[in-house]
N, C-alpha and C. Protein backbone atom coordinates (compact mmCIF):
# COMPACT_ATOMS: atom_id res chain seq x y z
N UNK A 1 -17.11 -25.06 16.47
CA UNK A 1 -15.64 -24.35 16.26
C UNK A 1 -15.18 -23.99 17.01
N UNK A 2 -14.19 -24.59 18.03
CA UNK A 2 -13.57 -24.40 19.34
C UNK A 2 -11.92 -24.65 19.56
N UNK A 3 -11.34 -23.72 20.13
CA UNK A 3 -9.64 -24.40 20.73
C UNK A 3 -8.99 -23.25 19.58
N UNK A 4 -7.77 -24.11 19.49
CA UNK A 4 -6.63 -23.74 19.25
C UNK A 4 -6.46 -24.30 17.83
N UNK A 5 -6.21 -23.52 16.88
CA UNK A 5 -5.62 -24.21 15.58
C UNK A 5 -4.24 -23.72 14.93
N UNK A 6 -2.86 -24.21 15.11
CA UNK A 6 -1.81 -24.03 14.62
C UNK A 6 -1.85 -24.15 13.05
N UNK A 7 -1.89 -22.94 12.26
CA UNK A 7 -1.86 -22.98 11.11
C UNK A 7 -0.95 -23.35 10.45
N UNK A 8 -0.33 -24.92 10.19
CA UNK A 8 0.49 -25.58 9.61
C UNK A 8 0.83 -25.08 7.85
N UNK A 9 1.84 -24.76 7.68
CA UNK A 9 1.99 -24.12 6.41
C UNK A 9 2.26 -22.62 6.17
N UNK A 10 1.92 -21.91 7.32
CA UNK A 10 1.86 -20.11 7.38
C UNK A 10 3.34 -20.42 7.67
N UNK A 11 4.23 -20.01 7.05
CA UNK A 11 5.39 -19.93 7.70
C UNK A 11 6.13 -18.62 6.77
N UNK A 12 7.02 -17.81 7.64
CA UNK A 12 7.70 -16.50 6.94
C UNK A 12 9.52 -16.82 6.63
N UNK A 13 9.67 -15.69 5.72
CA UNK A 13 11.38 -15.58 5.43
C UNK A 13 11.63 -15.48 6.92
N UNK A 14 12.98 -16.04 6.82
CA UNK A 14 13.81 -15.87 8.12
C UNK A 14 13.85 -14.49 8.58
N UNK A 15 13.30 -14.17 9.84
CA UNK A 15 13.77 -13.00 10.17
C UNK A 15 13.15 -11.94 9.97
N UNK A 16 12.16 -12.23 9.46
CA UNK A 16 11.07 -11.43 8.64
C UNK A 16 9.15 -11.90 8.93
N UNK A 17 8.60 -10.82 8.39
CA UNK A 17 7.18 -10.78 8.87
C UNK A 17 6.47 -10.92 7.33
N UNK A 18 7.37 -11.42 6.26
CA UNK A 18 6.82 -12.02 5.05
C UNK A 18 6.88 -13.34 4.81
N UNK A 19 5.50 -14.00 4.60
CA UNK A 19 4.82 -15.02 3.79
C UNK A 19 6.11 -15.72 3.38
N UNK A 20 5.84 -16.52 3.29
CA UNK A 20 6.95 -17.85 2.43
C UNK A 20 5.67 -18.35 1.36
N UNK A 21 6.38 -18.94 0.13
CA UNK A 21 5.80 -19.29 -0.79
C UNK A 21 4.74 -20.89 -0.26
N UNK A 22 3.28 -20.56 -0.70
CA UNK A 22 2.10 -21.61 0.06
C UNK A 22 1.86 -21.24 1.45
N UNK A 23 2.28 -20.28 1.79
CA UNK A 23 1.18 -19.75 3.00
C UNK A 23 -0.40 -19.23 2.75
N UNK A 24 -0.27 -18.56 1.72
CA UNK A 24 -1.64 -17.99 1.32
C UNK A 24 -2.51 -18.94 0.72
N UNK A 25 -2.22 -20.23 0.32
CA UNK A 25 -3.17 -21.24 0.35
C UNK A 25 -3.66 -21.66 1.30
N UNK A 26 -2.88 -21.81 2.37
CA UNK A 26 -3.70 -22.33 4.06
C UNK A 26 -4.18 -21.18 4.27
N UNK A 27 -3.87 -19.97 4.39
CA UNK A 27 -4.91 -19.04 4.52
C UNK A 27 -6.31 -18.77 4.10
N UNK A 28 -5.99 -19.03 2.75
CA UNK A 28 -7.17 -19.05 1.95
C UNK A 28 -8.36 -20.01 2.49
N UNK A 29 -7.88 -21.14 3.07
CA UNK A 29 -8.80 -22.17 3.52
C UNK A 29 -9.17 -21.80 4.83
N UNK A 30 -8.36 -21.01 5.61
CA UNK A 30 -9.24 -20.46 6.75
C UNK A 30 -10.22 -19.19 6.53
N UNK A 31 -9.89 -18.54 5.59
CA UNK A 31 -10.96 -17.30 5.36
C UNK A 31 -12.07 -18.09 4.84
N UNK A 32 -12.01 -19.31 4.03
CA UNK A 32 -13.05 -19.90 3.70
C UNK A 32 -13.97 -20.21 4.94
N UNK A 33 -13.17 -20.91 5.89
CA UNK A 33 -14.09 -21.50 6.90
C UNK A 33 -14.42 -20.23 8.02
N UNK A 34 -13.76 -19.18 7.92
CA UNK A 34 -14.00 -17.89 9.04
C UNK A 34 -15.37 -17.32 8.27
N UNK A 35 -15.63 -17.19 6.89
CA UNK A 35 -16.45 -16.81 6.20
C UNK A 35 -17.91 -17.08 6.45
N UNK A 36 -17.63 -18.78 6.71
CA UNK A 36 -18.80 -19.61 6.78
C UNK A 36 -19.27 -19.68 7.95
N UNK A 37 -18.68 -18.82 9.50
CA UNK A 37 -18.79 -19.12 10.32
C UNK A 37 -18.79 -17.44 10.83
N UNK A 38 -19.41 -16.53 10.45
CA UNK A 38 -19.04 -15.11 11.06
C UNK A 38 -19.32 -14.87 12.42
N UNK A 39 -20.09 -15.41 13.51
CA UNK A 39 -19.94 -15.33 14.37
C UNK A 39 -18.61 -15.67 15.25
N UNK A 40 -18.13 -16.25 14.87
CA UNK A 40 -16.59 -16.58 15.41
C UNK A 40 -15.82 -15.48 15.61
N UNK A 41 -15.47 -15.24 17.16
CA UNK A 41 -14.21 -14.11 17.27
C UNK A 41 -13.00 -14.97 17.57
N UNK A 42 -11.94 -14.48 17.41
CA UNK A 42 -10.46 -15.30 17.51
C UNK A 42 -9.30 -14.36 17.59
N UNK A 43 -8.37 -14.84 18.23
CA UNK A 43 -7.02 -14.47 18.35
C UNK A 43 -6.31 -15.04 17.50
N UNK A 44 -5.43 -14.23 16.90
CA UNK A 44 -4.36 -14.57 15.94
C UNK A 44 -2.94 -14.18 16.86
N UNK A 45 -2.41 -15.35 17.01
CA UNK A 45 -1.07 -15.80 17.88
C UNK A 45 0.20 -15.98 17.03
N UNK A 46 1.02 -15.11 17.29
CA UNK A 46 2.39 -15.10 16.89
C UNK A 46 3.21 -15.75 17.50
N UNK A 47 3.99 -17.07 17.52
CA UNK A 47 5.15 -17.58 18.26
C UNK A 47 6.36 -17.34 17.43
N UNK A 48 7.77 -17.31 18.38
CA UNK A 48 8.84 -17.64 17.93
C UNK A 48 9.60 -18.66 18.80
N UNK A 49 10.94 -19.40 18.06
CA UNK A 49 11.78 -19.84 18.98
C UNK A 49 12.21 -18.85 19.71
N UNK A 50 13.56 -19.40 20.38
CA UNK A 50 14.31 -18.74 21.58
C UNK A 50 15.48 -17.95 20.41
N UNK A 51 15.67 -18.20 19.54
CA UNK A 51 16.97 -17.63 19.12
C UNK A 51 16.60 -15.96 19.28
N UNK A 52 18.01 -15.24 19.51
CA UNK A 52 17.65 -13.74 19.59
C UNK A 52 17.49 -13.44 20.83
N UNK A 53 17.28 -12.21 21.17
CA UNK A 53 16.80 -11.53 22.23
C UNK A 53 15.39 -11.66 22.15
N UNK A 54 14.42 -12.13 23.63
CA UNK A 54 13.30 -11.96 23.82
C UNK A 54 12.59 -10.68 23.25
N UNK A 55 13.02 -9.71 23.58
CA UNK A 55 11.97 -8.44 23.09
C UNK A 55 12.07 -8.48 21.73
N UNK A 56 13.05 -8.71 21.05
CA UNK A 56 13.00 -8.72 19.18
C UNK A 56 12.02 -9.76 18.98
N UNK A 57 12.07 -11.00 19.71
CA UNK A 57 11.05 -11.97 19.18
C UNK A 57 9.73 -11.49 19.53
N UNK A 58 9.38 -11.05 20.68
CA UNK A 58 7.95 -10.32 20.86
C UNK A 58 7.56 -9.56 19.58
N UNK A 59 8.63 -8.78 19.35
CA UNK A 59 8.05 -7.93 18.17
C UNK A 59 7.91 -8.53 16.69
N UNK A 60 8.60 -9.56 16.46
CA UNK A 60 8.45 -10.27 15.12
C UNK A 60 7.73 -10.93 15.30
N UNK A 61 7.27 -11.70 16.58
CA UNK A 61 6.05 -12.56 16.52
C UNK A 61 4.40 -11.62 16.28
N UNK A 62 4.73 -10.36 16.97
CA UNK A 62 3.40 -9.59 16.90
C UNK A 62 3.21 -9.13 15.30
N UNK A 63 4.32 -8.88 14.45
CA UNK A 63 4.41 -8.59 13.00
C UNK A 63 3.90 -9.67 12.44
N UNK A 64 4.16 -10.66 12.48
CA UNK A 64 3.88 -11.73 11.59
C UNK A 64 2.35 -12.25 11.79
N UNK A 65 1.92 -12.29 13.22
CA UNK A 65 0.77 -12.03 13.73
C UNK A 65 -0.09 -11.25 12.85
N UNK A 66 0.57 -9.88 12.76
CA UNK A 66 -0.50 -8.98 12.15
C UNK A 66 -0.44 -8.69 10.53
N UNK A 67 0.64 -9.45 10.08
CA UNK A 67 0.77 -9.77 8.78
C UNK A 67 -0.32 -10.94 8.18
N UNK A 68 -0.54 -11.82 9.03
CA UNK A 68 -1.50 -12.81 8.62
C UNK A 68 -3.10 -12.21 8.83
N UNK A 69 -3.28 -11.35 9.98
CA UNK A 69 -4.46 -10.56 10.15
C UNK A 69 -4.85 -9.74 8.88
N UNK A 70 -3.55 -9.05 8.84
CA UNK A 70 -3.93 -8.17 7.14
C UNK A 70 -4.42 -8.93 6.13
N UNK A 71 -3.96 -9.66 5.73
CA UNK A 71 -4.10 -10.90 4.70
C UNK A 71 -5.51 -11.57 4.99
N UNK A 72 -6.08 -11.83 5.80
CA UNK A 72 -7.66 -12.08 6.24
C UNK A 72 -8.33 -10.97 5.83
N UNK A 73 -8.03 -9.93 6.45
CA UNK A 73 -8.97 -8.57 6.18
C UNK A 73 -8.94 -8.22 4.70
N UNK A 74 -7.90 -8.35 4.14
CA UNK A 74 -8.13 -8.02 2.95
C UNK A 74 -8.38 -8.89 1.98
N UNK A 75 -9.02 -10.05 2.65
CA UNK A 75 -9.87 -11.05 1.61
C UNK A 75 -11.10 -11.21 2.28
N UNK A 76 -11.90 -10.21 3.32
CA UNK A 76 -12.92 -10.13 3.40
C UNK A 76 -13.50 -10.52 4.95
N UNK A 77 -12.48 -10.86 5.58
CA UNK A 77 -12.63 -11.33 7.61
C UNK A 77 -12.74 -9.84 8.04
N UNK A 78 -14.02 -9.66 8.32
CA UNK A 78 -14.05 -8.18 9.62
C UNK A 78 -13.07 -8.19 10.39
N UNK A 79 -12.47 -7.14 10.51
CA UNK A 79 -11.41 -6.98 11.49
C UNK A 79 -12.20 -6.90 13.26
N UNK A 80 -12.84 -6.79 13.22
CA UNK A 80 -13.56 -6.68 14.55
C UNK A 80 -13.86 -7.65 15.24
N UNK A 81 -13.80 -8.77 14.36
CA UNK A 81 -13.71 -10.49 14.94
C UNK A 81 -12.60 -10.52 15.45
N UNK A 82 -11.48 -10.25 15.30
CA UNK A 82 -9.92 -10.37 15.36
C UNK A 82 -9.51 -9.83 16.62
N UNK A 83 -8.53 -10.53 17.23
CA UNK A 83 -7.69 -9.50 17.94
C UNK A 83 -5.93 -10.45 17.33
N UNK A 84 -5.03 -9.54 17.44
CA UNK A 84 -3.91 -10.10 17.07
C UNK A 84 -2.99 -10.05 18.47
N UNK A 85 -1.97 -10.94 18.54
CA UNK A 85 -0.83 -10.84 19.51
C UNK A 85 0.23 -11.49 19.47
N UNK A 86 1.28 -10.87 19.75
CA UNK A 86 2.53 -11.71 19.57
C UNK A 86 3.52 -12.26 21.07
N UNK A 87 3.32 -13.61 20.80
CA UNK A 87 3.80 -13.88 22.08
C UNK A 87 5.64 -14.63 22.23
N UNK A 88 6.08 -14.26 21.21
CA UNK A 88 7.27 -14.27 20.91
C UNK A 88 7.81 -15.46 21.32
N UNK A 89 8.64 -16.14 22.25
CA UNK A 89 9.19 -17.32 22.77
C UNK A 89 8.88 -17.54 23.98
N UNK A 90 7.69 -16.96 24.71
CA UNK A 90 7.02 -17.36 25.98
C UNK A 90 6.39 -18.51 26.16
N UNK A 91 5.80 -19.40 25.00
CA UNK A 91 5.12 -20.23 24.79
C UNK A 91 5.23 -21.56 24.23
N UNK A 92 7.04 -21.87 24.19
CA UNK A 92 7.47 -23.02 23.43
C UNK A 92 6.26 -24.35 23.58
N UNK A 93 6.45 -25.14 22.49
CA UNK A 93 5.60 -26.26 22.43
C UNK A 93 6.26 -27.27 22.00
N UNK A 94 7.81 -27.05 21.94
CA UNK A 94 9.16 -28.19 21.70
C UNK A 94 10.17 -27.77 22.38
N UNK A 95 11.24 -28.34 21.99
CA UNK A 95 12.63 -27.89 22.69
C UNK A 95 13.10 -27.23 21.49
N UNK A 96 13.50 -25.98 22.29
CA UNK A 96 14.42 -24.94 21.46
C UNK A 96 15.81 -25.20 21.37
N UNK A 97 16.18 -26.46 21.74
CA UNK A 97 17.79 -26.66 21.35
C UNK A 97 17.83 -27.48 20.49
N UNK A 98 16.72 -27.89 19.65
CA UNK A 98 16.83 -28.61 18.74
C UNK A 98 16.23 -28.24 17.40
N UNK A 99 16.75 -28.29 15.97
CA UNK A 99 16.61 -27.83 14.75
C UNK A 99 14.76 -28.06 14.58
N UNK A 100 14.43 -29.21 14.96
CA UNK A 100 13.28 -29.31 14.68
C UNK A 100 12.36 -28.83 15.96
N UNK A 101 12.48 -28.78 16.85
CA UNK A 101 11.68 -27.90 17.86
C UNK A 101 11.85 -26.56 17.79
N UNK A 102 12.98 -26.07 17.63
CA UNK A 102 12.68 -24.22 16.78
C UNK A 102 11.58 -24.21 15.86
N UNK A 103 11.63 -24.99 14.63
CA UNK A 103 10.77 -25.19 13.69
C UNK A 103 9.37 -24.75 14.34
N UNK A 104 8.65 -26.12 15.35
CA UNK A 104 7.55 -26.19 15.65
C UNK A 104 7.30 -24.96 16.85
N UNK A 105 8.18 -24.25 17.03
CA UNK A 105 8.02 -23.02 18.02
C UNK A 105 7.41 -21.80 17.18
N UNK A 106 8.03 -21.62 15.82
CA UNK A 106 7.93 -20.62 15.22
C UNK A 106 6.49 -21.00 14.91
N UNK A 107 5.42 -20.42 14.89
CA UNK A 107 4.08 -21.18 14.50
C UNK A 107 3.12 -19.83 14.36
N UNK A 108 2.30 -19.57 13.94
CA UNK A 108 1.05 -19.15 13.92
C UNK A 108 -0.53 -19.74 14.69
N UNK A 109 -1.35 -19.12 15.54
CA UNK A 109 -2.14 -20.31 15.92
C UNK A 109 -3.50 -18.87 16.26
N UNK A 110 -4.48 -19.65 15.51
CA UNK A 110 -5.66 -19.19 15.46
C UNK A 110 -6.74 -19.68 16.65
N UNK A 111 -6.92 -18.97 17.36
CA UNK A 111 -7.80 -19.49 18.82
C UNK A 111 -9.09 -18.64 19.02
N UNK A 112 -9.73 -19.65 19.10
CA UNK A 112 -11.13 -19.37 19.01
C UNK A 112 -11.70 -18.59 20.38
N UNK A 113 -11.60 -17.73 20.42
CA UNK A 113 -12.41 -16.85 21.73
C UNK A 113 -13.61 -17.05 21.98
N UNK A 114 -14.81 -16.62 20.99
CA UNK A 114 -16.26 -16.79 21.26
C UNK A 114 -16.76 -17.57 19.97
N UNK A 115 -17.85 -18.06 20.12
CA UNK A 115 -18.64 -18.79 18.94
C UNK A 115 -20.03 -18.48 19.15
């Protein structure tokens, strides 16, 4: 297992770090995989769209990534295996001028750093 994985379905309430309905089902699958491969170390990355101030978005993305980390930890994944980082709007993967693009930019990524 290597690379970056966008955690599709891990979404948050608007302007919040509260997980939306359905997100925990995705995270439960991630947990099952991580528990199966305890040697994997990873970074949980939070990303936002470009709406609002860049500084605010960086903080929001960090809080969202931490929410995911907290859920993983509370379900048996060792905290020592992970780092948490918010990238805010700095690394878009789509056009921030469209609604669809903004939705793609609001994401959480699990990036494997060591196997």
